[in-house]
C-alpha cells in the first residue's frame, strides 16, 4: 500500500553475524566484490553503522538487481 519511491533507495544490512571469524567489514565487502557486486561500508554513513553494509538499488534495472542479489545470497545466508 506504499508507493514506490522515485529514487534514493538504500538498504542497510547488519553483517556482523555474517563475517568470518577474524574478518572485518572490509573483508566481507571484498567477498561481495569477488562475486561482482559492489556494496558500501555502512560506516561511510556514520559510526553507528560500523558492521553494516549499504546496498543502493535506486537506479538498477530489476533484472540486474535480481542477478546481484542471487550472487550475494550465499554470503547473506547461514
PDB file of N, CA and C in Angstrom:
ATOM      1  N   UNK A   1       0.784  -1.197   0.000  1.00  0.00           N
ATOM      2  CA  UNK A   1       0.000   0.000   0.000  1.00  0.00           C
ATOM      3  C   UNK A   1       0.833   1.272   0.000  1.00  0.00           C
ATOM      4  N   UNK A   2       2.146   1.168  -0.186  1.00  0.00           N
ATOM      5  CA  UNK A   2       3.002   2.351  -0.204  1.00  0.00           C
ATOM      6  C   UNK A   2       3.575   2.513  -1.610  1.00  0.00           C
ATOM      7  N   UNK A   3       3.486   3.710  -2.142  1.00  0.00           N
ATOM      8  CA  UNK A   3       4.012   3.975  -3.488  1.00  0.00           C
ATOM      9  C   UNK A   3       5.526   3.801  -3.526  1.00  0.00           C
ATOM     10  N   UNK A   4       6.020   3.294  -4.639  1.00  0.00           N
ATOM     11  CA  UNK A   4       7.467   3.132  -4.813  1.00  0.00           C
ATOM     12  C   UNK A   4       8.130   4.499  -4.850  1.00  0.00           C
ATOM     13  N   UNK A   5       9.259   4.657  -4.173  1.00  0.00           N
ATOM     14  CA  UNK A   5       9.944   5.949  -4.190  1.00  0.00           C
ATOM     15  C   UNK A   5      10.547   6.219  -5.569  1.00  0.00           C
ATOM     16  N   UNK A   6      10.656   7.488  -5.966  1.00  0.00           N
ATOM     17  CA  UNK A   6      11.191   7.808  -7.285  1.00  0.00           C
ATOM     18  C   UNK A   6      12.707   7.602  -7.381  1.00  0.00           C
ATOM     19  N   UNK A   7      13.429   7.657  -6.264  1.00  0.00           N
ATOM     20  CA  UNK A   7      14.893   7.478  -6.290  1.00  0.00           C
ATOM     21  C   UNK A   7      15.420   7.472  -4.866  1.00  0.00           C
ATOM     22  N   UNK A   8      16.725   7.254  -4.752  1.00  0.00           N
ATOM     23  CA  UNK A   8      17.385   7.347  -3.454  1.00  0.00           C
ATOM     24  C   UNK A   8      17.048   6.218  -2.506  1.00  0.00           C
ATOM     25  N   UNK A   9      17.060   4.988  -2.991  1.00  0.00           N
ATOM     26  CA  UNK A   9      16.683   3.866  -2.158  1.00  0.00           C
ATOM     27  C   UNK A   9      17.920   3.078  -1.738  1.00  0.00           C
ATOM     28  N   UNK A  10      18.076   2.909  -0.435  1.00  0.00           N
ATOM     29  CA  UNK A  10      19.208   2.180   0.123  1.00  0.00           C
ATOM     30  C   UNK A  10      18.685   1.125   1.084  1.00  0.00           C
ATOM     31  N   UNK A  11      19.440   0.046   1.190  1.00  0.00           N
ATOM     32  CA  UNK A  11      19.143  -0.984   2.162  1.00  0.00           C
ATOM     33  C   UNK A  11      20.389  -1.159   3.019  1.00  0.00           C
ATOM     34  N   UNK A  12      20.249  -0.975   4.324  1.00  0.00           N
ATOM     35  CA  UNK A  12      21.340  -1.205   5.266  1.00  0.00           C
ATOM     36  C   UNK A  12      21.151  -2.592   5.868  1.00  0.00           C
ATOM     37  N   UNK A  13      22.251  -3.369   5.921  1.00  0.00           N
ATOM     38  CA  UNK A  13      22.201  -4.728   6.458  1.00  0.00           C
ATOM     39  C   UNK A  13      23.300  -4.894   7.498  1.00  0.00           C
ATOM     40  N   UNK A  14      22.915  -5.365   8.665  1.00  0.00           N
ATOM     41  CA  UNK A  14      23.872  -5.669   9.720  1.00  0.00           C
ATOM     42  C   UNK A  14      24.537  -6.995   9.367  1.00  0.00           C
ATOM     43  N   UNK A  15      25.840  -6.969   9.065  1.00  0.00           N
ATOM     44  CA  UNK A  15      26.521  -8.176   8.613  1.00  0.00           C
ATOM     45  C   UNK A  15      27.472  -8.741   9.673  1.00  0.00           C
ATOM     46  N   UNK A  16      27.400  -8.241  10.893  1.00  0.00           N
ATOM     47  CA  UNK A  16      28.332  -8.705  11.920  1.00  0.00           C
ATOM     48  C   UNK A  16      28.268 -10.214  12.120  1.00  0.00           C
ATOM     49  N   UNK A  17      27.102 -10.812  12.082  1.00  0.00           N
ATOM     50  CA  UNK A  17      26.992 -12.260  12.275  1.00  0.00           C
ATOM     51  C   UNK A  17      27.359 -13.030  11.007  1.00  0.00           C
ATOM     52  N   UNK A  18      27.496 -12.348   9.888  1.00  0.00           N
ATOM     53  CA  UNK A  18      27.798 -12.995   8.611  1.00  0.00           C
ATOM     54  C   UNK A  18      29.291 -13.004   8.285  1.00  0.00           C
ATOM     55  N   UNK A  19      30.059 -12.220   9.032  1.00  0.00           N
ATOM     56  CA  UNK A  19      31.501 -12.172   8.775  1.00  0.00           C
ATOM     57  C   UNK A  19      32.161 -13.448   9.266  1.00  0.00           C
ATOM     58  N   UNK A  20      33.229 -13.818   8.611  1.00  0.00           N
ATOM     59  CA  UNK A  20      34.020 -14.972   9.046  1.00  0.00           C
ATOM     60  C   UNK A  20      34.788 -14.600  10.305  1.00  0.00           C
ATOM     61  N   UNK A  21      35.217 -15.608  11.040  1.00  0.00           N
ATOM     62  CA  UNK A  21      35.995 -15.358  12.246  1.00  0.00           C
ATOM     63  C   UNK A  21      37.234 -14.530  11.894  1.00  0.00           C
ATOM     64  N   UNK A  22      37.418 -13.417  12.608  1.00  0.00           N
ATOM     65  CA  UNK A  22      38.553 -12.531  12.374  1.00  0.00           C
ATOM     66  C   UNK A  22      38.384 -11.580  11.202  1.00  0.00           C
ATOM     67  N   UNK A  23      37.285 -11.673  10.486  1.00  0.00           N
ATOM     68  CA  UNK A  23      37.040 -10.827   9.316  1.00  0.00           C
ATOM     69  C   UNK A  23      36.375  -9.523   9.743  1.00  0.00           C
ATOM     70  N   UNK A  24      36.801  -8.424   9.150  1.00  0.00           N
ATOM     71  CA  UNK A  24      36.137  -7.149   9.403  1.00  0.00           C
ATOM     72  C   UNK A  24      35.172  -6.855   8.254  1.00  0.00           C
ATOM     73  N   UNK A  25      34.514  -5.721   8.333  1.00  0.00           N
ATOM     74  CA  UNK A  25      33.527  -5.367   7.310  1.00  0.00           C
ATOM     75  C   UNK A  25      34.170  -5.259   5.933  1.00  0.00           C
ATOM     76  N   UNK A  26      35.364  -4.701   5.848  1.00  0.00           N
ATOM     77  CA  UNK A  26      36.012  -4.575   4.541  1.00  0.00           C
ATOM     78  C   UNK A  26      36.311  -5.946   3.939  1.00  0.00           C
ATOM     79  N   UNK A  27      36.678  -6.904   4.773  1.00  0.00           N
ATOM     80  CA  UNK A  27      36.889  -8.259   4.274  1.00  0.00           C
ATOM     81  C   UNK A  27      35.612  -8.845   3.688  1.00  0.00           C
ATOM     82  N   UNK A  28      34.503  -8.608   4.377  1.00  0.00           N
ATOM     83  CA  UNK A  28      33.211  -9.071   3.865  1.00  0.00           C
ATOM     84  C   UNK A  28      32.894  -8.393   2.535  1.00  0.00           C
ATOM     85  N   UNK A  29      33.157  -7.089   2.456  1.00  0.00           N
ATOM     86  CA  UNK A  29      32.900  -6.355   1.214  1.00  0.00           C
ATOM     87  C   UNK A  29      33.760  -6.874   0.070  1.00  0.00           C
ATOM     88  N   UNK A  30      34.970  -7.297   0.369  1.00  0.00           N
ATOM     89  CA  UNK A  30      35.839  -7.879  -0.665  1.00  0.00           C
ATOM     90  C   UNK A  30      35.234  -9.169  -1.206  1.00  0.00           C
ATOM     91  N   UNK A  31      34.651  -9.962  -0.326  1.00  0.00           N
ATOM     92  CA  UNK A  31      33.998 -11.185  -0.792  1.00  0.00           C
ATOM     93  C   UNK A  31      32.797 -10.874  -1.680  1.00  0.00           C
ATOM     94  N   UNK A  32      32.073  -9.798  -1.364  1.00  0.00           N
ATOM     95  CA  UNK A  32      30.958  -9.366  -2.224  1.00  0.00           C
ATOM     96  C   UNK A  32      31.483  -8.951  -3.589  1.00  0.00           C
ATOM     97  N   UNK A  33      32.571  -8.210  -3.586  1.00  0.00           N
ATOM     98  CA  UNK A  33      33.163  -7.746  -4.838  1.00  0.00           C
ATOM     99  C   UNK A  33      33.645  -8.921  -5.687  1.00  0.00           C
ATOM    100  N   UNK A  34      34.175  -9.954  -5.054  1.00  0.00           N
ATOM    101  CA  UNK A  34      34.592 -11.153  -5.786  1.00  0.00           C
ATOM    102  C   UNK A  34      33.422 -11.782  -6.519  1.00  0.00           C
ATOM    103  N   UNK A  35      32.214 -11.546  -6.035  1.00  0.00           N
ATOM    104  CA  UNK A  35      31.005 -12.064  -6.675  1.00  0.00           C
ATOM    105  C   UNK A  35      30.429 -11.061  -7.680  1.00  0.00           C
ATOM    106  N   UNK A  36      31.137  -9.939  -7.871  1.00  0.00           N
ATOM    107  CA  UNK A  36      30.729  -8.969  -8.880  1.00  0.00           C
ATOM    108  C   UNK A  36      29.780  -7.897  -8.390  1.00  0.00           C
ATOM    109  N   UNK A  37      29.629  -7.757  -7.065  1.00  0.00           N
ATOM    110  CA  UNK A  37      28.696  -6.778  -6.514  1.00  0.00           C
ATOM    111  C   UNK A  37      29.451  -5.844  -5.573  1.00  0.00           C
ATOM    112  N   UNK A  38      29.341  -4.563  -5.829  1.00  0.00           N
ATOM    113  CA  UNK A  38      29.991  -3.544  -5.005  1.00  0.00           C
ATOM    114  C   UNK A  38      28.974  -2.958  -4.031  1.00  0.00           C
ATOM    115  N   UNK A  39      29.255  -3.136  -2.741  1.00  0.00           N
ATOM    116  CA  UNK A  39      28.437  -2.549  -1.683  1.00  0.00           C
ATOM    117  C   UNK A  39      29.272  -1.491  -0.975  1.00  0.00           C
ATOM    118  N   UNK A  40      28.625  -0.649  -0.197  1.00  0.00           N
ATOM    119  CA  UNK A  40      29.300   0.419   0.534  1.00  0.00           C
ATOM    120  C   UNK A  40      29.378   0.058   2.013  1.00  0.00           C
ATOM    121  N   UNK A  41      30.518   0.339   2.656  1.00  0.00           N
ATOM    122  CA  UNK A  41      30.557   0.106   4.096  1.00  0.00           C
ATOM    123  C   UNK A  41      29.572   1.035   4.798  1.00  0.00           C
ATOM    124  N   UNK A  42      28.819   0.489   5.716  1.00  0.00           N
ATOM    125  CA  UNK A  42      27.840   1.297   6.438  1.00  0.00           C
ATOM    126  C   UNK A  42      28.468   2.456   7.180  1.00  0.00           C
ATOM    127  N   UNK A  43      29.701   2.269   7.667  1.00  0.00           N
ATOM    128  CA  UNK A  43      30.377   3.318   8.434  1.00  0.00           C
ATOM    129  C   UNK A  43      30.566   4.593   7.626  1.00  0.00           C
ATOM    130  N   UNK A  44      30.484   4.510   6.299  1.00  0.00           N
ATOM    131  CA  UNK A  44      30.587   5.739   5.500  1.00  0.00           C
ATOM    132  C   UNK A  44      29.362   6.629   5.708  1.00  0.00           C
ATOM    133  N   UNK A  45      28.323   6.087   6.335  1.00  0.00           N
ATOM    134  CA  UNK A  45      27.125   6.861   6.667  1.00  0.00           C
ATOM    135  C   UNK A  45      27.084   7.243   8.146  1.00  0.00           C
ATOM    136  N   UNK A  46      28.157   6.937   8.861  1.00  0.00           N
ATOM    137  CA  UNK A  46      28.238   7.312  10.265  1.00  0.00           C
ATOM    138  C   UNK A  46      28.744   6.161  11.111  1.00  0.00           C
ATOM    139  N   UNK A  47      29.363   6.503  12.230  1.00  0.00           N
ATOM    140  CA  UNK A  47      29.996   5.490  13.087  1.00  0.00           C
ATOM    141  C   UNK A  47      29.004   4.479  13.658  1.00  0.00           C
ATOM    142  N   UNK A  48      27.739   4.844  13.755  1.00  0.00           N
ATOM    143  CA  UNK A  48      26.737   3.914  14.272  1.00  0.00           C
ATOM    144  C   UNK A  48      26.470   2.745  13.321  1.00  0.00           C
ATOM    145  N   UNK A  49      26.956   2.839  12.091  1.00  0.00           N
ATOM    146  CA  UNK A  49      26.722   1.785  11.103  1.00  0.00           C
ATOM    147  C   UNK A  49      27.955   0.934  10.842  1.00  0.00           C
ATOM    148  N   UNK A  50      28.945   0.981  11.727  1.00  0.00           N
ATOM    149  CA  UNK A  50      30.082   0.065  11.622  1.00  0.00           C
ATOM    150  C   UNK A  50      29.537  -1.349  11.782  1.00  0.00           C
ATOM    151  N   UNK A  51      29.971  -2.251  10.929  1.00  0.00           N
ATOM    152  CA  UNK A  51      29.442  -3.614  10.965  1.00  0.00           C
ATOM    153  C   UNK A  51      28.212  -3.800  10.088  1.00  0.00           C
ATOM    154  N   UNK A  52      27.883  -2.763   9.345  1.00  0.00           N
ATOM    155  CA  UNK A  52      26.755  -2.807   8.411  1.00  0.00           C
ATOM    156  C   UNK A  52      27.283  -2.565   7.004  1.00  0.00           C
ATOM    157  N   UNK A  53      26.510  -2.943   5.993  1.00  0.00           N
ATOM    158  CA  UNK A  53      26.800  -2.597   4.604  1.00  0.00           C
ATOM    159  C   UNK A  53      25.565  -1.936   4.010  1.00  0.00           C
ATOM    160  N   UNK A  54      25.797  -1.192   2.941  1.00  0.00           N
ATOM    161  CA  UNK A  54      24.701  -0.464   2.309  1.00  0.00           C
ATOM    162  C   UNK A  54      24.595  -0.868   0.846  1.00  0.00           C
ATOM    163  N   UNK A  55      23.399  -1.218   0.441  1.00  0.00           N
ATOM    164  CA  UNK A  55      23.098  -1.565  -0.940  1.00  0.00           C
ATOM    165  C   UNK A  55      22.231  -0.457  -1.525  1.00  0.00           C
ATOM    166  N   UNK A  56      22.682   0.121  -2.625  1.00  0.00           N
ATOM    167  CA  UNK A  56      21.890   1.139  -3.330  1.00  0.00           C
ATOM    168  C   UNK A  56      21.264   0.462  -4.540  1.00  0.00           C
ATOM    169  N   UNK A  57      19.947   0.542  -4.628  1.00  0.00           N
ATOM    170  CA  UNK A  57      19.281  -0.100  -5.761  1.00  0.00           C
ATOM    171  C   UNK A  57      18.299   0.827  -6.462  1.00  0.00           C
ATOM    172  N   UNK A  58      18.522   2.124  -6.355  1.00  0.00           N
ATOM    173  CA  UNK A  58      17.570   3.077  -6.922  1.00  0.00           C
ATOM    174  C   UNK A  58      17.654   3.192  -8.437  1.00  0.00           C
ATOM    175  N   UNK A  59      18.787   2.876  -9.028  1.00  0.00           N
ATOM    176  CA  UNK A  59      18.922   3.059 -10.473  1.00  0.00           C
ATOM    177  C   UNK A  59      19.271   1.762 -11.198  1.00  0.00           C
ATOM    178  N   UNK A  60      19.126   0.641 -10.517  1.00  0.00           N
ATOM    179  CA  UNK A  60      19.471  -0.648 -11.119  1.00  0.00           C
ATOM    180  C   UNK A  60      18.216  -1.258 -11.738  1.00  0.00           C
ATOM    181  N   UNK A  61      18.299  -1.665 -12.987  1.00  0.00           N
ATOM    182  CA  UNK A  61      17.151  -2.353 -13.588  1.00  0.00           C
ATOM    183  C   UNK A  61      16.818  -3.615 -12.786  1.00  0.00           C
ATOM    184  N   UNK A  62      15.546  -3.947 -12.656  1.00  0.00           N
ATOM    185  CA  UNK A  62      15.140  -5.090 -11.835  1.00  0.00           C
ATOM    186  C   UNK A  62      15.878  -6.394 -12.160  1.00  0.00           C
ATOM    187  N   UNK A  63      16.116  -6.675 -13.429  1.00  0.00           N
ATOM    188  CA  UNK A  63      16.805  -7.921 -13.790  1.00  0.00           C
ATOM    189  C   UNK A  63      18.239  -7.928 -13.261  1.00  0.00           C
ATOM    190  N   UNK A  64      18.916  -6.780 -13.307  1.00  0.00           N
ATOM    191  CA  UNK A  64      20.288  -6.694 -12.787  1.00  0.00           C
ATOM    192  C   UNK A  64      20.303  -6.796 -11.264  1.00  0.00           C
ATOM    193  N   UNK A  65      19.313  -6.216 -10.621  1.00  0.00           N
ATOM    194  CA  UNK A  65      19.214  -6.334  -9.166  1.00  0.00           C
ATOM    195  C   UNK A  65      18.999  -7.790  -8.769  1.00  0.00           C
ATOM    196  N   UNK A  66      18.131  -8.491  -9.481  1.00  0.00           N
ATOM    197  CA  UNK A  66      17.902  -9.916  -9.202  1.00  0.00           C
ATOM    198  C   UNK A  66      19.195 -10.707  -9.343  1.00  0.00           C
ATOM    199  N   UNK A  67      19.971 -10.405 -10.377  1.00  0.00           N
ATOM    200  CA  UNK A  67      21.238 -11.094 -10.614  1.00  0.00           C
ATOM    201  C   UNK A  67      22.228 -10.821  -9.476  1.00  0.00           C
ATOM    202  N   UNK A  68      22.320  -9.564  -9.052  1.00  0.00           N
ATOM    203  CA  UNK A  68      23.237  -9.196  -7.969  1.00  0.00           C
ATOM    204  C   UNK A  68      22.818  -9.856  -6.658  1.00  0.00           C
ATOM    205  N   UNK A  69      21.538  -9.855  -6.369  1.00  0.00           N
ATOM    206  CA  UNK A  69      21.064 -10.478  -5.133  1.00  0.00           C
ATOM    207  C   UNK A  69      21.305 -11.987  -5.139  1.00  0.00           C
ATOM    208  N   UNK A  70      21.145 -12.607  -6.290  1.00  0.00           N
ATOM    209  CA  UNK A  70      21.421 -14.048  -6.396  1.00  0.00           C
ATOM    210  C   UNK A  70      22.903 -14.323  -6.147  1.00  0.00           C
ATOM    211  N   UNK A  71      23.770 -13.437  -6.639  1.00  0.00           N
ATOM    212  CA  UNK A  71      25.209 -13.608  -6.428  1.00  0.00           C
ATOM    213  C   UNK A  71      25.573 -13.448  -4.956  1.00  0.00           C
ATOM    214  N   UNK A  72      24.876 -12.562  -4.256  1.00  0.00           N
ATOM    215  CA  UNK A  72      25.160 -12.297  -2.846  1.00  0.00           C
ATOM    216  C   UNK A  72      24.517 -13.298  -1.897  1.00  0.00           C
ATOM    217  N   UNK A  73      23.485 -13.984  -2.342  1.00  0.00           N
ATOM    218  CA  UNK A  73      22.707 -14.848  -1.447  1.00  0.00           C
ATOM    219  C   UNK A  73      23.566 -15.785  -0.598  1.00  0.00           C
ATOM    220  N   UNK A  74      24.591 -16.447  -1.146  1.00  0.00           N
ATOM    221  CA  UNK A  74      25.387 -17.344  -0.295  1.00  0.00           C
ATOM    222  C   UNK A  74      26.115 -16.616   0.838  1.00  0.00           C
ATOM    223  N   UNK A  75      26.418 -15.349   0.671  1.00  0.00           N
ATOM    224  CA  UNK A  75      27.115 -14.600   1.707  1.00  0.00           C
ATOM    225  C   UNK A  75      26.169 -14.104   2.803  1.00  0.00           C
ATOM    226  N   UNK A  76      24.886 -14.021   2.480  1.00  0.00           N
ATOM    227  CA  UNK A  76      23.914 -13.468   3.420  1.00  0.00           C
ATOM    228  C   UNK A  76      23.048 -14.529   4.089  1.00  0.00           C
ATOM    229  N   UNK A  77      23.346 -15.797   3.834  1.00  0.00           N
ATOM    230  CA  UNK A  77      22.601 -16.867   4.477  1.00  0.00           C
ATOM    231  C   UNK A  77      23.563 -17.710   5.293  1.00  0.00           C
ATOM    232  N   UNK A  78      23.089 -18.149   6.422  1.00  0.00           N
ATOM    233  CA  UNK A  78      23.894 -19.015   7.297  1.00  0.00           C
ATOM    234  C   UNK A  78      23.073 -20.184   7.712  1.00  0.00           C
TER     235      UNK A  78
END
